[in-house]
């Protein structure tokens, strides 16, 4: 589930980006497209050193579908 486009399906690229104050932005993009969409619920707080584990949680949520939002 994205803020801009609603539900997106198909082959996606998922990007997690560290922001200030322990926040992480999650965006998705259709493979081959230029536009990035914000995953609903993003940004979220992720402790320093936890970005890699959090990204894995995001991938699992997106792969499962069901209008996935940013895991908390």
N, C-alpha and C. Protein backbone atom coordinates (compact mmCIF):
# COMPACT_ATOMS: atom_id res chain seq x y z
N UNK A 1 0.86 -1.17 0.00
CA UNK A 1 0.00 0.00 0.00
C UNK A 1 0.90 1.23 0.00
N UNK A 2 0.64 2.14 -0.92
CA UNK A 2 1.44 3.36 -0.99
C UNK A 2 0.55 4.58 -0.77
N UNK A 3 1.17 5.67 -0.36
CA UNK A 3 0.43 6.90 -0.13
C UNK A 3 -0.05 7.51 -1.45
N UNK A 4 0.76 7.42 -2.49
CA UNK A 4 0.45 8.10 -3.74
C UNK A 4 -0.41 7.28 -4.70
N UNK A 5 -0.16 5.98 -4.78
CA UNK A 5 -0.80 5.16 -5.81
C UNK A 5 -1.69 4.06 -5.25
N UNK A 6 -1.86 4.00 -3.94
CA UNK A 6 -2.64 2.91 -3.37
C UNK A 6 -1.87 1.61 -3.44
N UNK A 7 -2.58 0.54 -3.75
CA UNK A 7 -1.95 -0.78 -3.81
C UNK A 7 -1.13 -0.89 -5.09
N UNK A 8 0.11 -1.35 -4.96
CA UNK A 8 0.96 -1.63 -6.13
C UNK A 8 1.30 -3.12 -6.11
N UNK A 9 1.31 -3.72 -7.27
CA UNK A 9 1.61 -5.15 -7.38
C UNK A 9 2.58 -5.36 -8.53
N UNK A 10 3.17 -6.52 -8.56
CA UNK A 10 4.10 -6.85 -9.63
C UNK A 10 5.53 -6.82 -9.15
N UNK A 11 6.44 -6.70 -10.09
CA UNK A 11 7.87 -6.68 -9.77
C UNK A 11 8.24 -5.30 -9.25
N UNK A 12 8.69 -5.26 -7.99
CA UNK A 12 8.98 -4.00 -7.33
C UNK A 12 10.41 -3.96 -6.81
N UNK A 13 10.94 -2.76 -6.71
CA UNK A 13 12.19 -2.51 -6.00
C UNK A 13 11.80 -1.84 -4.69
N UNK A 14 12.37 -2.31 -3.59
CA UNK A 14 12.08 -1.74 -2.27
C UNK A 14 13.34 -1.07 -1.76
N UNK A 15 13.19 0.18 -1.32
CA UNK A 15 14.35 0.94 -0.83
C UNK A 15 14.05 1.45 0.57
N UNK A 16 14.97 1.17 1.50
CA UNK A 16 14.89 1.75 2.84
C UNK A 16 16.06 2.71 2.99
N UNK A 17 15.76 3.93 3.45
CA UNK A 17 16.76 4.98 3.52
C UNK A 17 16.79 5.58 4.92
N UNK A 18 17.97 5.62 5.52
CA UNK A 18 18.14 6.22 6.85
C UNK A 18 17.97 7.73 6.74
N UNK A 19 17.12 8.29 7.60
CA UNK A 19 16.91 9.73 7.71
C UNK A 19 17.47 10.20 9.05
N UNK A 20 17.24 11.43 9.39
CA UNK A 20 17.67 11.96 10.69
C UNK A 20 16.80 11.39 11.81
N UNK A 21 17.28 11.49 13.04
CA UNK A 21 16.52 11.12 14.23
C UNK A 21 16.04 9.67 14.23
N UNK A 22 16.88 8.74 13.76
CA UNK A 22 16.57 7.31 13.75
C UNK A 22 15.33 6.97 12.92
N UNK A 23 14.97 7.80 11.97
CA UNK A 23 13.84 7.52 11.09
C UNK A 23 14.33 6.84 9.81
N UNK A 24 13.48 5.99 9.27
CA UNK A 24 13.78 5.29 8.03
C UNK A 24 12.60 5.50 7.07
N UNK A 25 12.92 5.88 5.85
CA UNK A 25 11.93 6.05 4.79
C UNK A 25 11.89 4.77 3.97
N UNK A 26 10.69 4.32 3.62
CA UNK A 26 10.53 3.14 2.78
C UNK A 26 9.80 3.56 1.51
N UNK A 27 10.42 3.29 0.37
CA UNK A 27 9.80 3.60 -0.91
C UNK A 27 9.86 2.38 -1.81
N UNK A 28 8.91 2.31 -2.74
CA UNK A 28 8.87 1.20 -3.70
C UNK A 28 8.77 1.78 -5.10
N UNK A 29 9.26 0.99 -6.05
CA UNK A 29 9.27 1.41 -7.45
C UNK A 29 9.01 0.18 -8.31
N UNK A 30 8.19 0.36 -9.34
CA UNK A 30 8.04 -0.71 -10.32
C UNK A 30 9.37 -0.88 -11.04
N UNK A 31 9.78 -2.12 -11.28
CA UNK A 31 11.01 -2.38 -12.03
C UNK A 31 10.88 -1.71 -13.40
N UNK A 32 11.88 -0.92 -13.76
CA UNK A 32 11.90 -0.24 -15.04
C UNK A 32 11.22 1.12 -15.06
N UNK A 33 10.60 1.51 -13.94
CA UNK A 33 9.92 2.80 -13.88
C UNK A 33 10.83 3.85 -13.24
N UNK A 34 10.42 5.10 -13.32
CA UNK A 34 11.19 6.18 -12.71
C UNK A 34 10.59 6.62 -11.37
N UNK A 35 9.29 6.51 -11.21
CA UNK A 35 8.61 7.02 -10.03
C UNK A 35 8.82 6.11 -8.82
N UNK A 36 9.03 6.74 -7.68
CA UNK A 36 9.09 6.04 -6.40
C UNK A 36 7.84 6.41 -5.61
N UNK A 37 7.29 5.43 -4.86
CA UNK A 37 6.10 5.65 -4.05
C UNK A 37 6.42 5.35 -2.59
N UNK A 38 5.88 6.14 -1.69
CA UNK A 38 6.12 5.97 -0.25
C UNK A 38 5.22 4.86 0.28
N UNK A 39 5.81 3.87 0.95
CA UNK A 39 5.03 2.81 1.57
C UNK A 39 4.24 3.42 2.73
N UNK A 40 2.96 3.15 2.78
CA UNK A 40 2.11 3.71 3.83
C UNK A 40 2.68 3.36 5.21
N UNK A 41 2.73 4.37 6.06
CA UNK A 41 3.29 4.21 7.40
C UNK A 41 4.72 4.68 7.52
N UNK A 42 5.34 4.98 6.39
CA UNK A 42 6.72 5.46 6.38
C UNK A 42 6.71 6.99 6.53
N UNK A 43 7.69 7.54 7.22
CA UNK A 43 8.86 6.93 7.83
C UNK A 43 8.53 6.32 9.21
N UNK A 44 9.42 5.46 9.65
CA UNK A 44 9.29 4.82 10.96
C UNK A 44 10.62 4.92 11.70
N UNK A 45 10.55 4.81 13.01
CA UNK A 45 11.76 4.84 13.83
C UNK A 45 12.42 3.46 13.82
N UNK A 46 13.71 3.44 13.53
CA UNK A 46 14.50 2.20 13.55
C UNK A 46 15.81 2.54 14.25
N UNK A 47 16.12 1.79 15.28
CA UNK A 47 17.33 2.06 16.07
C UNK A 47 18.58 1.94 15.21
N UNK A 48 19.59 2.70 15.57
CA UNK A 48 20.89 2.63 14.90
C UNK A 48 21.36 1.18 14.88
N UNK A 49 21.83 0.73 13.75
CA UNK A 49 22.31 -0.64 13.62
C UNK A 49 21.23 -1.63 13.26
N UNK A 50 19.97 -1.19 13.18
CA UNK A 50 18.88 -2.11 12.90
C UNK A 50 18.32 -2.01 11.49
N UNK A 51 18.97 -1.23 10.63
CA UNK A 51 18.42 -0.99 9.29
C UNK A 51 18.35 -2.26 8.46
N UNK A 52 19.39 -3.06 8.48
CA UNK A 52 19.42 -4.28 7.65
C UNK A 52 18.31 -5.25 8.06
N UNK A 53 18.13 -5.48 9.36
CA UNK A 53 17.06 -6.35 9.83
C UNK A 53 15.69 -5.78 9.49
N UNK A 54 15.56 -4.46 9.64
CA UNK A 54 14.28 -3.84 9.32
C UNK A 54 13.96 -3.97 7.83
N UNK A 55 14.95 -3.78 6.98
CA UNK A 55 14.73 -3.93 5.54
C UNK A 55 14.22 -5.33 5.22
N UNK A 56 14.76 -6.34 5.87
CA UNK A 56 14.29 -7.72 5.66
C UNK A 56 12.82 -7.86 6.07
N UNK A 57 12.43 -7.22 7.17
CA UNK A 57 11.02 -7.25 7.60
C UNK A 57 10.12 -6.58 6.56
N UNK A 58 10.60 -5.48 6.00
CA UNK A 58 9.83 -4.78 4.96
C UNK A 58 9.67 -5.69 3.74
N UNK A 59 10.74 -6.33 3.31
CA UNK A 59 10.66 -7.23 2.15
C UNK A 59 9.65 -8.34 2.37
N UNK A 60 9.66 -8.92 3.54
CA UNK A 60 8.70 -9.99 3.85
C UNK A 60 7.28 -9.45 3.78
N UNK A 61 7.03 -8.29 4.37
CA UNK A 61 5.69 -7.71 4.36
C UNK A 61 5.22 -7.43 2.93
N UNK A 62 6.10 -6.86 2.11
CA UNK A 62 5.74 -6.53 0.73
C UNK A 62 5.49 -7.81 -0.07
N UNK A 63 6.33 -8.82 0.11
CA UNK A 63 6.15 -10.08 -0.61
C UNK A 63 4.84 -10.76 -0.23
N UNK A 64 4.42 -10.63 1.02
CA UNK A 64 3.17 -11.24 1.47
C UNK A 64 1.97 -10.50 0.93
N UNK A 65 2.14 -9.22 0.60
CA UNK A 65 1.05 -8.45 0.03
C UNK A 65 0.01 -8.06 1.05
N UNK A 66 -1.26 -8.25 0.72
CA UNK A 66 -2.36 -7.92 1.63
C UNK A 66 -2.33 -6.47 2.06
N UNK A 67 -2.07 -5.57 1.10
CA UNK A 67 -2.01 -4.13 1.39
C UNK A 67 -1.00 -3.82 2.50
N UNK A 68 0.18 -4.39 2.37
CA UNK A 68 1.23 -4.23 3.37
C UNK A 68 1.56 -2.76 3.60
N UNK A 69 1.83 -2.45 4.85
CA UNK A 69 2.30 -1.12 5.24
C UNK A 69 3.64 -1.29 5.95
N UNK A 70 4.26 -0.17 6.28
CA UNK A 70 5.55 -0.21 6.95
C UNK A 70 5.43 -0.93 8.28
N UNK A 71 6.22 -1.99 8.50
CA UNK A 71 6.16 -2.69 9.80
C UNK A 71 6.56 -1.78 10.94
N UNK A 72 5.93 -1.98 12.07
CA UNK A 72 6.29 -1.20 13.27
C UNK A 72 6.98 -2.06 14.28
